[in-house]
Amino acid sequence: MTNNEELYSSLSNYLEILPSGCEKIAQMFREGNQDIAFKSINDFSDGIEWFVTITNHLNKNGYTINLEEEQLKMHLQEVNICLNNNDEVMLADLFEYELAPFFENIKIERKLS
């Protein structure tokens, strides 16, 4: 794995764009761009997997990241239910009103040397 400072920087940068990415997915659904929205959800899923892995690594190495994994899992389960039910309205609402604020509230603190 790369240097922890590089991971911290990458995670911070990703966290800055994550809420707006969630809002864009919601907007795509509302504007009728379902194909692009579903592709974006796949990308989102890959990004979240990376995000959780790096968060756990940094938390074990002296950084503090207040990720509430159980709450995230709950949100992702709701997304899966909506996907299975083809409920695009609820998907848009979840991304805009649940996931975007969830990621906006995550704080990352650097390790003190």
N, C-alpha and C. Protein backbone atom coordinates (compact mmCIF):
# COMPACT_ATOMS: atom_id res chain seq x y z
N MET A 1 0.84 -1.18 0.00
CA MET A 1 0.00 0.00 0.00
C MET A 1 0.89 1.25 0.00
N THR A 2 0.37 2.30 -0.58
CA THR A 2 1.17 3.53 -0.67
C THR A 2 1.26 4.20 0.69
N ASN A 3 1.98 5.24 0.71
CA ASN A 3 2.19 6.06 1.89
C ASN A 3 0.86 6.51 2.50
N ASN A 4 0.75 6.49 3.81
CA ASN A 4 -0.49 6.89 4.49
C ASN A 4 -0.88 8.33 4.20
N GLU A 5 0.08 9.21 4.04
CA GLU A 5 -0.23 10.61 3.72
C GLU A 5 -0.86 10.73 2.34
N GLU A 6 -0.39 9.92 1.40
CA GLU A 6 -0.99 9.91 0.06
C GLU A 6 -2.41 9.38 0.12
N LEU A 7 -2.61 8.32 0.92
CA LEU A 7 -3.96 7.77 1.08
C LEU A 7 -4.89 8.79 1.73
N TYR A 8 -4.37 9.48 2.74
CA TYR A 8 -5.14 10.53 3.41
C TYR A 8 -5.55 11.60 2.42
N SER A 9 -4.62 12.03 1.59
CA SER A 9 -4.90 13.06 0.61
C SER A 9 -5.93 12.59 -0.42
N SER A 10 -5.77 11.37 -0.91
CA SER A 10 -6.72 10.82 -1.87
C SER A 10 -8.11 10.68 -1.27
N LEU A 11 -8.16 10.21 -0.03
CA LEU A 11 -9.44 10.05 0.66
C LEU A 11 -10.10 11.40 0.88
N SER A 12 -9.34 12.38 1.28
CA SER A 12 -9.88 13.74 1.49
C SER A 12 -10.44 14.31 0.19
N ASN A 13 -9.69 14.14 -0.90
CA ASN A 13 -10.15 14.63 -2.19
C ASN A 13 -11.42 13.92 -2.63
N TYR A 14 -11.48 12.62 -2.44
CA TYR A 14 -12.67 11.85 -2.82
C TYR A 14 -13.88 12.28 -1.98
N LEU A 15 -13.64 12.48 -0.70
CA LEU A 15 -14.73 12.89 0.19
C LEU A 15 -15.29 14.26 -0.18
N GLU A 16 -14.46 15.12 -0.73
CA GLU A 16 -14.92 16.44 -1.17
C GLU A 16 -15.90 16.35 -2.33
N ILE A 17 -15.71 15.39 -3.23
CA ILE A 17 -16.57 15.29 -4.41
C ILE A 17 -17.72 14.30 -4.24
N LEU A 18 -17.66 13.47 -3.22
CA LEU A 18 -18.67 12.42 -3.03
C LEU A 18 -20.08 12.96 -2.85
N PRO A 19 -20.32 13.96 -2.01
CA PRO A 19 -21.69 14.47 -1.87
C PRO A 19 -22.26 15.02 -3.18
N SER A 20 -21.46 15.77 -3.93
CA SER A 20 -21.96 16.32 -5.20
C SER A 20 -22.19 15.19 -6.21
N GLY A 21 -21.40 14.13 -6.14
CA GLY A 21 -21.61 12.97 -7.00
C GLY A 21 -22.95 12.31 -6.71
N CYS A 22 -23.28 12.21 -5.42
CA CYS A 22 -24.58 11.66 -5.03
C CYS A 22 -25.72 12.53 -5.56
N GLU A 23 -25.55 13.83 -5.46
CA GLU A 23 -26.57 14.75 -5.95
C GLU A 23 -26.71 14.66 -7.46
N LYS A 24 -25.61 14.45 -8.17
CA LYS A 24 -25.66 14.31 -9.63
C LYS A 24 -26.41 13.05 -10.03
N ILE A 25 -26.21 11.96 -9.29
CA ILE A 25 -26.95 10.73 -9.58
C ILE A 25 -28.45 10.98 -9.42
N ALA A 26 -28.83 11.66 -8.35
CA ALA A 26 -30.24 11.98 -8.13
C ALA A 26 -30.78 12.82 -9.29
N GLN A 27 -30.02 13.81 -9.69
CA GLN A 27 -30.43 14.70 -10.78
C GLN A 27 -30.60 13.91 -12.09
N MET A 28 -29.69 12.98 -12.36
CA MET A 28 -29.80 12.18 -13.57
C MET A 28 -31.11 11.39 -13.61
N PHE A 29 -31.47 10.80 -12.47
CA PHE A 29 -32.74 10.07 -12.41
C PHE A 29 -33.91 11.02 -12.66
N ARG A 30 -33.87 12.17 -12.04
CA ARG A 30 -34.99 13.11 -12.16
C ARG A 30 -35.11 13.70 -13.57
N GLU A 31 -33.99 13.74 -14.29
CA GLU A 31 -34.00 14.28 -15.65
C GLU A 31 -34.22 13.20 -16.70
N GLY A 32 -34.40 11.96 -16.27
CA GLY A 32 -34.67 10.88 -17.22
C GLY A 32 -33.45 10.24 -17.83
N ASN A 33 -32.29 10.48 -17.26
CA ASN A 33 -31.03 9.89 -17.75
C ASN A 33 -30.69 8.62 -16.99
N GLN A 34 -31.62 7.65 -17.01
CA GLN A 34 -31.48 6.44 -16.21
C GLN A 34 -30.23 5.63 -16.55
N ASP A 35 -29.91 5.51 -17.85
CA ASP A 35 -28.74 4.71 -18.22
C ASP A 35 -27.47 5.26 -17.59
N ILE A 36 -27.31 6.56 -17.68
CA ILE A 36 -26.12 7.20 -17.09
C ILE A 36 -26.17 7.09 -15.56
N ALA A 37 -27.35 7.25 -14.99
CA ALA A 37 -27.50 7.15 -13.53
C ALA A 37 -27.13 5.76 -13.03
N PHE A 38 -27.61 4.72 -13.72
CA PHE A 38 -27.27 3.36 -13.29
C PHE A 38 -25.78 3.08 -13.44
N LYS A 39 -25.16 3.59 -14.51
CA LYS A 39 -23.71 3.44 -14.67
C LYS A 39 -22.98 4.17 -13.54
N SER A 40 -23.49 5.34 -13.17
CA SER A 40 -22.88 6.11 -12.08
C SER A 40 -23.02 5.39 -10.75
N ILE A 41 -24.12 4.67 -10.55
CA ILE A 41 -24.28 3.89 -9.31
C ILE A 41 -23.24 2.78 -9.26
N ASN A 42 -22.94 2.16 -10.39
CA ASN A 42 -21.87 1.14 -10.42
C ASN A 42 -20.54 1.76 -10.03
N ASP A 43 -20.23 2.92 -10.59
CA ASP A 43 -18.99 3.62 -10.25
C ASP A 43 -18.99 4.00 -8.77
N PHE A 44 -20.13 4.49 -8.28
CA PHE A 44 -20.29 4.86 -6.87
C PHE A 44 -19.99 3.66 -5.98
N SER A 45 -20.53 2.51 -6.35
CA SER A 45 -20.32 1.29 -5.56
C SER A 45 -18.84 0.92 -5.48
N ASP A 46 -18.15 0.99 -6.61
CA ASP A 46 -16.71 0.72 -6.60
C ASP A 46 -15.97 1.73 -5.73
N GLY A 47 -16.34 2.99 -5.84
CA GLY A 47 -15.71 4.04 -5.05
C GLY A 47 -15.93 3.86 -3.56
N ILE A 48 -17.13 3.44 -3.19
CA ILE A 48 -17.44 3.24 -1.77
C ILE A 48 -16.64 2.07 -1.21
N GLU A 49 -16.48 1.04 -2.00
CA GLU A 49 -15.66 -0.09 -1.54
C GLU A 49 -14.24 0.37 -1.25
N TRP A 50 -13.66 1.16 -2.16
CA TRP A 50 -12.32 1.72 -1.96
C TRP A 50 -12.32 2.63 -0.73
N PHE A 51 -13.31 3.50 -0.62
CA PHE A 51 -13.41 4.46 0.48
C PHE A 51 -13.41 3.75 1.84
N VAL A 52 -14.21 2.70 1.98
CA VAL A 52 -14.30 1.97 3.25
C VAL A 52 -12.97 1.27 3.55
N THR A 53 -12.36 0.68 2.55
CA THR A 53 -11.08 -0.01 2.74
C THR A 53 -10.01 0.97 3.23
N ILE A 54 -9.90 2.11 2.57
CA ILE A 54 -8.88 3.10 2.94
C ILE A 54 -9.20 3.72 4.31
N THR A 55 -10.47 3.97 4.56
CA THR A 55 -10.88 4.52 5.87
C THR A 55 -10.46 3.58 6.99
N ASN A 56 -10.74 2.30 6.84
CA ASN A 56 -10.37 1.33 7.87
C ASN A 56 -8.86 1.26 8.05
N HIS A 57 -8.13 1.30 6.94
CA HIS A 57 -6.66 1.28 7.02
C HIS A 57 -6.14 2.51 7.79
N LEU A 58 -6.64 3.68 7.42
CA LEU A 58 -6.16 4.90 8.08
C LEU A 58 -6.56 4.95 9.55
N ASN A 59 -7.77 4.49 9.86
CA ASN A 59 -8.20 4.47 11.27
C ASN A 59 -7.29 3.57 12.11
N LYS A 60 -6.75 2.53 11.52
CA LYS A 60 -5.84 1.63 12.23
C LYS A 60 -4.42 2.19 12.32
N ASN A 61 -4.17 3.27 11.60
CA ASN A 61 -2.82 3.82 11.54
C ASN A 61 -2.75 5.26 12.03
N GLY A 62 -3.56 5.58 13.04
CA GLY A 62 -3.41 6.85 13.73
C GLY A 62 -4.26 7.99 13.21
N TYR A 63 -5.08 7.76 12.21
CA TYR A 63 -5.97 8.81 11.71
C TYR A 63 -7.35 8.61 12.32
N THR A 64 -8.14 9.65 12.32
CA THR A 64 -9.50 9.55 12.85
C THR A 64 -10.47 9.94 11.75
N ILE A 65 -11.29 8.97 11.36
CA ILE A 65 -12.31 9.20 10.34
C ILE A 65 -13.62 8.67 10.93
N ASN A 66 -14.59 9.56 11.06
CA ASN A 66 -15.82 9.19 11.77
C ASN A 66 -16.85 8.54 10.84
N LEU A 67 -16.45 7.49 10.14
CA LEU A 67 -17.35 6.77 9.26
C LEU A 67 -18.22 5.83 10.08
N GLU A 68 -19.52 6.02 10.00
CA GLU A 68 -20.46 5.12 10.67
C GLU A 68 -20.83 4.03 9.68
N GLU A 69 -20.06 2.94 9.72
CA GLU A 69 -20.22 1.88 8.73
C GLU A 69 -21.59 1.24 8.76
N GLU A 70 -22.16 1.07 9.94
CA GLU A 70 -23.48 0.44 10.01
C GLU A 70 -24.54 1.32 9.33
N GLN A 71 -24.45 2.62 9.52
CA GLN A 71 -25.38 3.52 8.86
C GLN A 71 -25.18 3.49 7.35
N LEU A 72 -23.93 3.45 6.91
CA LEU A 72 -23.64 3.36 5.48
C LEU A 72 -24.21 2.06 4.91
N LYS A 73 -24.01 0.95 5.62
CA LYS A 73 -24.57 -0.33 5.16
C LYS A 73 -26.08 -0.25 5.03
N MET A 74 -26.73 0.41 5.98
CA MET A 74 -28.18 0.57 5.94
C MET A 74 -28.60 1.34 4.68
N HIS A 75 -27.90 2.44 4.40
CA HIS A 75 -28.20 3.24 3.21
C HIS A 75 -27.98 2.41 1.94
N LEU A 76 -26.92 1.63 1.90
CA LEU A 76 -26.63 0.82 0.71
C LEU A 76 -27.65 -0.30 0.53
N GLN A 77 -28.14 -0.84 1.64
CA GLN A 77 -29.21 -1.83 1.55
C GLN A 77 -30.48 -1.21 0.98
N GLU A 78 -30.77 0.03 1.39
CA GLU A 78 -31.93 0.73 0.85
C GLU A 78 -31.76 0.97 -0.65
N VAL A 79 -30.55 1.31 -1.08
CA VAL A 79 -30.28 1.49 -2.51
C VAL A 79 -30.54 0.18 -3.25
N ASN A 80 -30.05 -0.94 -2.70
CA ASN A 80 -30.27 -2.24 -3.35
C ASN A 80 -31.75 -2.58 -3.45
N ILE A 81 -32.51 -2.30 -2.42
CA ILE A 81 -33.95 -2.55 -2.46
C ILE A 81 -34.60 -1.74 -3.57
N CYS A 82 -34.23 -0.47 -3.66
CA CYS A 82 -34.78 0.40 -4.71
C CYS A 82 -34.37 -0.09 -6.10
N LEU A 83 -33.13 -0.54 -6.24
CA LEU A 83 -32.68 -1.08 -7.52
C LEU A 83 -33.49 -2.32 -7.90
N ASN A 84 -33.69 -3.21 -6.93
CA ASN A 84 -34.47 -4.42 -7.19
C ASN A 84 -35.92 -4.11 -7.54
N ASN A 85 -36.46 -3.04 -6.98
CA ASN A 85 -37.85 -2.65 -7.22
C ASN A 85 -38.00 -1.66 -8.38
N ASN A 86 -36.87 -1.32 -9.01
CA ASN A 86 -36.88 -0.31 -10.09
C ASN A 86 -37.55 0.99 -9.64
N ASP A 87 -37.30 1.38 -8.41
CA ASP A 87 -37.90 2.60 -7.85
C ASP A 87 -36.92 3.76 -8.00
N GLU A 88 -36.96 4.39 -9.17
CA GLU A 88 -36.02 5.45 -9.49
C GLU A 88 -36.28 6.73 -8.69
N VAL A 89 -37.51 6.97 -8.33
CA VAL A 89 -37.84 8.15 -7.52
C VAL A 89 -37.21 8.02 -6.14
N MET A 90 -37.36 6.85 -5.54
CA MET A 90 -36.76 6.63 -4.22
C MET A 90 -35.24 6.61 -4.30
N LEU A 91 -34.68 6.08 -5.38
CA LEU A 91 -33.22 6.12 -5.56
C LEU A 91 -32.73 7.56 -5.57
N ALA A 92 -33.40 8.40 -6.34
CA ALA A 92 -33.01 9.81 -6.40
C ALA A 92 -33.08 10.44 -5.02
N ASP A 93 -34.16 10.16 -4.30
CA ASP A 93 -34.31 10.72 -2.95
C ASP A 93 -33.21 10.22 -2.01
N LEU A 94 -32.89 8.93 -2.09
CA LEU A 94 -31.83 8.38 -1.23
C LEU A 94 -30.48 9.05 -1.49
N PHE A 95 -30.15 9.21 -2.76
CA PHE A 95 -28.86 9.81 -3.08
C PHE A 95 -28.81 11.28 -2.68
N GLU A 96 -29.91 12.00 -2.87
CA GLU A 96 -29.90 13.42 -2.55
C GLU A 96 -30.08 13.72 -1.06
N TYR A 97 -31.01 13.02 -0.42
CA TYR A 97 -31.40 13.39 0.95
C TYR A 97 -30.79 12.52 2.05
N GLU A 98 -30.23 11.38 1.68
CA GLU A 98 -29.62 10.50 2.68
C GLU A 98 -28.10 10.39 2.48
N LEU A 99 -27.69 9.98 1.29
CA LEU A 99 -26.27 9.71 1.07
C LEU A 99 -25.43 10.98 0.98
N ALA A 100 -25.88 11.99 0.24
CA ALA A 100 -25.09 13.22 0.14
C ALA A 100 -24.83 13.83 1.52
N PRO A 101 -25.87 14.02 2.35
CA PRO A 101 -25.61 14.57 3.69
C PRO A 101 -24.75 13.63 4.56
N PHE A 102 -24.94 12.33 4.40
CA PHE A 102 -24.14 11.36 5.16
C PHE A 102 -22.66 11.60 4.91
N PHE A 103 -22.27 11.74 3.64
CA PHE A 103 -20.86 11.93 3.31
C PHE A 103 -20.37 13.34 3.66
N GLU A 104 -21.25 14.32 3.61
CA GLU A 104 -20.87 15.68 4.01
C GLU A 104 -20.48 15.75 5.48
N ASN A 105 -21.04 14.86 6.29
CA ASN A 105 -20.80 14.89 7.74
C ASN A 105 -19.59 14.08 8.19
N ILE A 106 -18.93 13.41 7.27
CA ILE A 106 -17.74 12.63 7.64
C ILE A 106 -16.55 13.58 7.78
N LYS A 107 -15.86 13.46 8.88
CA LYS A 107 -14.68 14.28 9.14
C LYS A 107 -13.44 13.41 9.19
N ILE A 108 -12.37 13.93 8.64
CA ILE A 108 -11.09 13.23 8.64
C ILE A 108 -10.07 14.10 9.37
N GLU A 109 -9.40 13.49 10.35
CA GLU A 109 -8.37 14.20 11.08
C GLU A 109 -7.03 13.53 10.83
N ARG A 110 -6.04 14.36 10.59
CA ARG A 110 -4.68 13.86 10.38
C ARG A 110 -4.08 13.32 11.65
N LYS A 111 -3.22 12.38 11.44
CA LYS A 111 -2.42 11.81 12.53
C LYS A 111 -1.50 12.91 13.06
N LEU A 112 -1.43 13.01 14.34
CA LEU A 112 -0.50 13.97 14.95
C LEU A 112 0.87 13.30 15.08
N SER A 113 1.87 13.99 14.58
CA SER A 113 3.23 13.41 14.64
C SER A 113 3.97 13.91 15.85
